[in-house]
Amino acid sequence: MIFPWRFWRRRAPEPLGVRGEALAAKHLKRAGYRILERNTKLGKFEIDIIAQEGDTIAFVEVKTRRTNTFLKPEANVTPTKQNHICRAASIYINRRNDPTMYYRYDIVSVVLPDEGEPEITIIRNAFTPR
């Protein structure tokens, strides 16, 4: 006799980064942002979230960690990563060609501990193009 539960497979938990991005998008919405795009590939680079807050388009990099004991998540947005985001954003800006909009680069830091509530921080204007 074959037992049906042997064929049931537990669904693998979502990767940490996917969970962090979903929480970041919800947090941005609650903060008044309107999500325009997620995981947008522009050229050979990707922007996690493109959102609008008033007359400003924010290119948002989401960094998720289990703890911030040794290093805050946003510290992992290196100058190289910033350059990649800026290059992708310039493609988006050129396609959009809207002189009435302002643009900035934000980071959403997500700390997702194994126990307890997540800690989510929006860092507006986190860096500028070099």
N, C-alpha and C. Protein backbone atom coordinates (compact mmCIF):
# COMPACT_ATOMS: atom_id res chain seq x y z
N MET A 1 0.84 -1.18 0.00
CA MET A 1 0.00 0.00 0.00
C MET A 1 0.88 1.24 0.00
N ILE A 2 0.51 2.19 -0.83
CA ILE A 2 1.25 3.44 -0.92
C ILE A 2 0.53 4.49 -0.08
N PHE A 3 1.26 5.10 0.80
CA PHE A 3 0.67 6.14 1.65
C PHE A 3 0.78 7.50 0.96
N PRO A 4 -0.35 8.19 0.81
CA PRO A 4 -0.33 9.44 0.06
C PRO A 4 0.62 10.49 0.64
N TRP A 5 0.83 10.50 1.95
CA TRP A 5 1.67 11.55 2.52
C TRP A 5 3.13 11.42 2.11
N ARG A 6 3.49 10.26 1.60
CA ARG A 6 4.86 10.10 1.13
C ARG A 6 5.13 10.94 -0.11
N PHE A 7 4.07 11.30 -0.80
CA PHE A 7 4.22 12.07 -2.02
C PHE A 7 4.04 13.56 -1.80
N TRP A 8 3.62 13.90 -0.62
CA TRP A 8 3.49 15.32 -0.31
C TRP A 8 4.88 15.84 0.01
N ARG A 9 5.16 16.91 -0.55
CA ARG A 9 6.47 17.51 -0.28
C ARG A 9 6.26 18.87 0.34
N ARG A 10 7.02 19.09 1.35
CA ARG A 10 6.96 20.42 1.95
C ARG A 10 7.54 21.41 0.97
N ARG A 11 6.88 22.53 0.88
CA ARG A 11 7.37 23.58 0.02
C ARG A 11 8.61 24.20 0.65
N ALA A 12 9.63 24.39 -0.13
CA ALA A 12 10.85 25.00 0.39
C ALA A 12 10.55 26.43 0.82
N PRO A 13 11.15 26.87 1.90
CA PRO A 13 10.91 28.25 2.33
C PRO A 13 11.46 29.23 1.30
N GLU A 14 10.81 30.38 1.21
CA GLU A 14 11.28 31.40 0.28
C GLU A 14 12.68 31.83 0.68
N PRO A 15 13.53 32.11 -0.30
CA PRO A 15 14.85 32.62 0.04
C PRO A 15 14.74 33.93 0.83
N LEU A 16 15.73 34.20 1.64
CA LEU A 16 15.74 35.37 2.50
C LEU A 16 15.55 36.66 1.71
N GLY A 17 16.25 36.78 0.59
CA GLY A 17 16.15 38.00 -0.22
C GLY A 17 14.76 38.23 -0.78
N VAL A 18 14.09 37.17 -1.20
CA VAL A 18 12.73 37.29 -1.74
C VAL A 18 11.78 37.77 -0.65
N ARG A 19 11.90 37.18 0.54
CA ARG A 19 11.05 37.60 1.66
C ARG A 19 11.34 39.05 2.02
N GLY A 20 12.60 39.43 2.01
CA GLY A 20 12.98 40.80 2.34
C GLY A 20 12.42 41.81 1.35
N GLU A 21 12.48 41.48 0.06
CA GLU A 21 11.95 42.38 -0.96
C GLU A 21 10.44 42.54 -0.84
N ALA A 22 9.74 41.47 -0.54
CA ALA A 22 8.29 41.55 -0.37
C ALA A 22 7.95 42.45 0.82
N LEU A 23 8.66 42.28 1.93
CA LEU A 23 8.43 43.12 3.10
C LEU A 23 8.78 44.58 2.81
N ALA A 24 9.86 44.78 2.08
CA ALA A 24 10.28 46.14 1.72
C ALA A 24 9.21 46.83 0.87
N ALA A 25 8.66 46.12 -0.11
CA ALA A 25 7.62 46.70 -0.97
C ALA A 25 6.39 47.09 -0.14
N LYS A 26 5.97 46.22 0.78
CA LYS A 26 4.83 46.55 1.65
C LYS A 26 5.13 47.76 2.51
N HIS A 27 6.33 47.82 3.04
CA HIS A 27 6.73 48.93 3.91
C HIS A 27 6.76 50.25 3.12
N LEU A 28 7.27 50.18 1.89
CA LEU A 28 7.30 51.37 1.05
C LEU A 28 5.88 51.87 0.75
N LYS A 29 4.98 50.95 0.46
CA LYS A 29 3.58 51.33 0.20
C LYS A 29 2.98 52.03 1.41
N ARG A 30 3.22 51.46 2.60
CA ARG A 30 2.70 52.08 3.83
C ARG A 30 3.30 53.46 4.07
N ALA A 31 4.51 53.66 3.56
CA ALA A 31 5.19 54.95 3.73
C ALA A 31 4.78 55.96 2.66
N GLY A 32 3.88 55.56 1.76
CA GLY A 32 3.37 56.49 0.76
C GLY A 32 3.98 56.37 -0.63
N TYR A 33 4.84 55.41 -0.83
CA TYR A 33 5.41 55.17 -2.16
C TYR A 33 4.39 54.42 -3.01
N ARG A 34 4.49 54.59 -4.30
CA ARG A 34 3.72 53.78 -5.24
C ARG A 34 4.73 52.92 -6.00
N ILE A 35 4.58 51.62 -5.90
CA ILE A 35 5.51 50.70 -6.54
C ILE A 35 5.23 50.70 -8.05
N LEU A 36 6.24 51.02 -8.83
CA LEU A 36 6.09 51.04 -10.29
C LEU A 36 6.57 49.73 -10.92
N GLU A 37 7.71 49.24 -10.45
CA GLU A 37 8.27 48.00 -11.00
C GLU A 37 9.08 47.29 -9.92
N ARG A 38 9.19 45.98 -10.08
CA ARG A 38 10.03 45.19 -9.17
C ARG A 38 10.94 44.29 -9.99
N ASN A 39 12.15 44.12 -9.50
CA ASN A 39 13.15 43.26 -10.15
C ASN A 39 13.27 43.56 -11.64
N THR A 40 13.53 44.81 -11.93
CA THR A 40 13.58 45.29 -13.30
C THR A 40 14.99 45.19 -13.86
N LYS A 41 15.12 44.45 -14.94
CA LYS A 41 16.42 44.30 -15.60
C LYS A 41 16.57 45.41 -16.62
N LEU A 42 17.63 46.19 -16.47
CA LEU A 42 17.92 47.29 -17.40
C LEU A 42 19.37 47.14 -17.84
N GLY A 43 19.56 46.86 -19.12
CA GLY A 43 20.91 46.54 -19.56
C GLY A 43 21.31 45.23 -18.92
N LYS A 44 22.51 45.17 -18.37
CA LYS A 44 22.93 43.93 -17.72
C LYS A 44 22.81 44.00 -16.20
N PHE A 45 22.11 45.02 -15.69
CA PHE A 45 21.94 45.19 -14.25
C PHE A 45 20.47 45.17 -13.88
N GLU A 46 20.20 45.00 -12.59
CA GLU A 46 18.82 44.92 -12.12
C GLU A 46 18.60 45.90 -10.97
N ILE A 47 17.39 46.46 -10.94
CA ILE A 47 16.98 47.32 -9.83
C ILE A 47 15.88 46.57 -9.08
N ASP A 48 16.04 46.46 -7.76
CA ASP A 48 15.09 45.69 -6.96
C ASP A 48 13.68 46.27 -7.04
N ILE A 49 13.55 47.56 -6.74
CA ILE A 49 12.24 48.22 -6.76
C ILE A 49 12.38 49.61 -7.36
N ILE A 50 11.47 49.94 -8.25
CA ILE A 50 11.36 51.32 -8.74
C ILE A 50 10.02 51.82 -8.22
N ALA A 51 10.07 52.90 -7.45
CA ALA A 51 8.86 53.40 -6.80
C ALA A 51 8.79 54.92 -6.95
N GLN A 52 7.58 55.43 -6.80
CA GLN A 52 7.38 56.87 -6.89
C GLN A 52 6.86 57.39 -5.56
N GLU A 53 7.49 58.47 -5.11
CA GLU A 53 7.04 59.18 -3.91
C GLU A 53 6.87 60.64 -4.32
N GLY A 54 5.62 61.04 -4.47
CA GLY A 54 5.35 62.40 -4.95
C GLY A 54 5.87 62.57 -6.36
N ASP A 55 6.72 63.60 -6.56
CA ASP A 55 7.27 63.86 -7.89
C ASP A 55 8.67 63.28 -8.05
N THR A 56 8.98 62.28 -7.25
CA THR A 56 10.31 61.67 -7.27
C THR A 56 10.23 60.17 -7.53
N ILE A 57 11.06 59.73 -8.45
CA ILE A 57 11.22 58.29 -8.71
C ILE A 57 12.39 57.83 -7.86
N ALA A 58 12.18 56.79 -7.08
CA ALA A 58 13.24 56.22 -6.24
C ALA A 58 13.65 54.87 -6.80
N PHE A 59 14.94 54.72 -7.01
CA PHE A 59 15.52 53.44 -7.40
C PHE A 59 15.97 52.81 -6.09
N VAL A 60 15.31 51.73 -5.71
CA VAL A 60 15.48 51.18 -4.36
C VAL A 60 16.25 49.86 -4.41
N GLU A 61 17.32 49.81 -3.64
CA GLU A 61 18.08 48.57 -3.44
C GLU A 61 17.66 48.02 -2.09
N VAL A 62 17.28 46.75 -2.07
CA VAL A 62 16.85 46.11 -0.82
C VAL A 62 17.96 45.18 -0.36
N LYS A 63 18.36 45.32 0.90
CA LYS A 63 19.36 44.44 1.49
C LYS A 63 18.75 43.78 2.71
N THR A 64 18.78 42.46 2.73
CA THR A 64 18.16 41.69 3.80
C THR A 64 19.22 40.82 4.47
N ARG A 65 19.17 40.82 5.80
CA ARG A 65 20.06 39.98 6.60
C ARG A 65 19.27 39.40 7.77
N ARG A 66 19.78 38.36 8.36
CA ARG A 66 19.15 37.78 9.55
C ARG A 66 19.46 38.60 10.80
N THR A 67 20.62 39.25 10.82
CA THR A 67 21.03 40.04 11.97
C THR A 67 21.85 41.24 11.51
N ASN A 68 21.89 42.27 12.32
CA ASN A 68 22.75 43.40 12.00
C ASN A 68 23.81 43.57 13.09
N THR A 69 24.13 42.48 13.77
CA THR A 69 25.09 42.52 14.87
C THR A 69 26.46 43.00 14.41
N PHE A 70 26.96 42.46 13.34
CA PHE A 70 28.31 42.80 12.89
C PHE A 70 28.31 43.89 11.83
N LEU A 71 27.29 43.92 11.00
CA LEU A 71 27.26 44.87 9.90
C LEU A 71 25.80 45.11 9.50
N LYS A 72 25.44 46.36 9.33
CA LYS A 72 24.07 46.66 8.91
C LYS A 72 23.91 46.25 7.45
N PRO A 73 22.70 45.84 7.08
CA PRO A 73 22.49 45.38 5.69
C PRO A 73 22.89 46.43 4.65
N GLU A 74 22.60 47.69 4.91
CA GLU A 74 22.88 48.74 3.92
C GLU A 74 24.38 48.91 3.66
N ALA A 75 25.21 48.46 4.58
CA ALA A 75 26.66 48.55 4.38
C ALA A 75 27.12 47.67 3.22
N ASN A 76 26.28 46.74 2.81
CA ASN A 76 26.62 45.85 1.70
C ASN A 76 26.32 46.45 0.33
N VAL A 77 25.83 47.68 0.29
CA VAL A 77 25.64 48.36 -0.99
C VAL A 77 26.95 49.08 -1.29
N THR A 78 27.84 48.35 -1.89
CA THR A 78 29.20 48.82 -2.14
C THR A 78 29.23 49.88 -3.26
N PRO A 79 30.33 50.60 -3.39
CA PRO A 79 30.44 51.55 -4.50
C PRO A 79 30.23 50.89 -5.87
N THR A 80 30.69 49.65 -6.02
CA THR A 80 30.47 48.94 -7.28
C THR A 80 28.98 48.69 -7.51
N LYS A 81 28.28 48.25 -6.46
CA LYS A 81 26.83 48.02 -6.57
C LYS A 81 26.11 49.33 -6.86
N GLN A 82 26.52 50.40 -6.21
CA GLN A 82 25.92 51.72 -6.46
C GLN A 82 26.10 52.11 -7.92
N ASN A 83 27.28 51.87 -8.46
CA ASN A 83 27.55 52.18 -9.87
C ASN A 83 26.62 51.37 -10.78
N HIS A 84 26.42 50.09 -10.47
CA HIS A 84 25.52 49.25 -11.29
C HIS A 84 24.09 49.77 -11.24
N ILE A 85 23.63 50.16 -10.06
CA ILE A 85 22.27 50.69 -9.92
C ILE A 85 22.14 51.99 -10.71
N CYS A 86 23.14 52.85 -10.62
CA CYS A 86 23.10 54.13 -11.35
C CYS A 86 23.10 53.92 -12.85
N ARG A 87 23.85 52.93 -13.33
CA ARG A 87 23.87 52.65 -14.77
C ARG A 87 22.51 52.15 -15.24
N ALA A 88 21.90 51.26 -14.46
CA ALA A 88 20.56 50.76 -14.81
C ALA A 88 19.55 51.90 -14.74
N ALA A 89 19.65 52.74 -13.72
CA ALA A 89 18.71 53.86 -13.56
C ALA A 89 18.81 54.83 -14.73
N SER A 90 20.02 55.05 -15.24
CA SER A 90 20.16 55.99 -16.37
C SER A 90 19.43 55.47 -17.60
N ILE A 91 19.40 54.17 -17.80
CA ILE A 91 18.63 53.58 -18.91
C ILE A 91 17.15 53.86 -18.70
N TYR A 92 16.67 53.63 -17.47
CA TYR A 92 15.26 53.88 -17.15
C TYR A 92 14.91 55.36 -17.37
N ILE A 93 15.76 56.25 -16.88
CA ILE A 93 15.52 57.70 -17.01
C ILE A 93 15.47 58.11 -18.47
N ASN A 94 16.39 57.59 -19.28
CA ASN A 94 16.42 57.93 -20.71
C ASN A 94 15.19 57.42 -21.43
N ARG A 95 14.71 56.23 -21.06
CA ARG A 95 13.49 55.69 -21.68
C ARG A 95 12.26 56.51 -21.30
N ARG A 96 12.21 56.89 -20.03
CA ARG A 96 11.05 57.61 -19.51
C ARG A 96 10.99 59.04 -20.06
N ASN A 97 12.15 59.68 -20.10
CA ASN A 97 12.27 61.02 -20.68
C ASN A 97 11.19 61.97 -20.15
N ASP A 98 11.08 62.08 -18.82
CA ASP A 98 10.09 62.94 -18.18
C ASP A 98 10.80 64.03 -17.37
N PRO A 99 10.88 65.25 -17.93
CA PRO A 99 11.62 66.32 -17.24
C PRO A 99 10.93 66.83 -15.96
N THR A 100 9.71 66.41 -15.72
CA THR A 100 9.01 66.89 -14.52
C THR A 100 9.32 66.04 -13.29
N MET A 101 10.01 64.92 -13.47
CA MET A 101 10.30 64.02 -12.36
C MET A 101 11.71 64.24 -11.82
N TYR A 102 11.84 64.01 -10.53
CA TYR A 102 13.13 63.99 -9.88
C TYR A 102 13.49 62.52 -9.64
N TYR A 103 14.77 62.26 -9.43
CA TYR A 103 15.22 60.90 -9.24
C TYR A 103 16.17 60.82 -8.04
N ARG A 104 16.11 59.70 -7.33
CA ARG A 104 17.03 59.49 -6.22
C ARG A 104 17.24 58.00 -6.01
N TYR A 105 18.22 57.69 -5.16
CA TYR A 105 18.60 56.31 -4.87
C TYR A 105 18.36 56.04 -3.39
N ASP A 106 17.48 55.11 -3.11
CA ASP A 106 17.14 54.74 -1.74
C ASP A 106 17.62 53.32 -1.46
N ILE A 107 17.77 53.03 -0.18
CA ILE A 107 18.06 51.66 0.26
C ILE A 107 17.01 51.30 1.29
N VAL A 108 16.50 50.09 1.21
CA VAL A 108 15.65 49.57 2.28
C VAL A 108 16.43 48.45 2.95
N SER A 109 16.68 48.64 4.24
CA SER A 109 17.41 47.69 5.05
C SER A 109 16.40 46.82 5.79
N VAL A 110 16.50 45.51 5.62
CA VAL A 110 15.57 44.58 6.27
C VAL A 110 16.38 43.60 7.11
N VAL A 111 16.06 43.56 8.40
CA VAL A 111 16.66 42.57 9.29
C VAL A 111 15.55 41.61 9.67
N LEU A 112 15.71 40.35 9.27
CA LEU A 112 14.70 39.31 9.49
C LEU A 112 15.25 38.26 10.46
N PRO A 113 15.10 38.50 11.76
CA PRO A 113 15.62 37.52 12.71
C PRO A 113 14.78 36.23 12.68
N ASP A 114 15.37 35.15 13.17
CA ASP A 114 14.64 33.89 13.23
C ASP A 114 13.44 34.00 14.16
N GLU A 115 13.57 34.79 15.20
CA GLU A 115 12.46 35.02 16.13
C GLU A 115 12.27 36.51 16.29
N GLY A 116 11.02 36.92 16.45
CA GLY A 116 10.72 38.33 16.65
C GLY A 116 10.31 39.02 15.36
N GLU A 117 10.07 40.30 15.48
CA GLU A 117 9.58 41.11 14.36
C GLU A 117 10.72 41.57 13.46
N PRO A 118 10.44 41.71 12.16
CA PRO A 118 11.45 42.25 11.26
C PRO A 118 11.68 43.74 11.55
N GLU A 119 12.87 44.18 11.25
CA GLU A 119 13.23 45.59 11.40
C GLU A 119 13.47 46.14 9.99
N ILE A 120 12.65 47.10 9.57
CA ILE A 120 12.73 47.62 8.21
C ILE A 120 12.99 49.11 8.27
N THR A 121 14.02 49.56 7.56
CA THR A 121 14.40 50.96 7.56
C THR A 121 14.54 51.46 6.12
N ILE A 122 13.89 52.59 5.83
CA ILE A 122 14.04 53.22 4.52
C ILE A 122 15.11 54.30 4.66
N ILE A 123 16.10 54.24 3.80
CA ILE A 123 17.15 55.25 3.79
C ILE A 123 16.99 56.03 2.49
N ARG A 124 16.37 57.19 2.59
CA ARG A 124 16.14 58.01 1.40
C ARG A 124 17.44 58.71 1.00
N ASN A 125 17.62 58.85 -0.31
CA ASN A 125 18.80 59.53 -0.85
C ASN A 125 20.07 58.91 -0.27
N ALA A 126 20.15 57.61 -0.28
CA ALA A 126 21.24 56.87 0.36
C ALA A 126 22.60 57.12 -0.30
N PHE A 127 22.58 57.37 -1.59
CA PHE A 127 23.84 57.67 -2.30
C PHE A 127 23.52 58.47 -3.53
N THR A 128 24.55 59.05 -4.12
CA THR A 128 24.40 59.84 -5.34
C THR A 128 25.30 59.24 -6.42
N PRO A 129 24.96 59.46 -7.69
CA PRO A 129 25.80 58.93 -8.77
C PRO A 129 27.20 59.53 -8.68
N ARG A 130 28.17 58.75 -9.06
CA ARG A 130 29.58 59.22 -9.04
C ARG A 130 29.97 59.72 -10.39
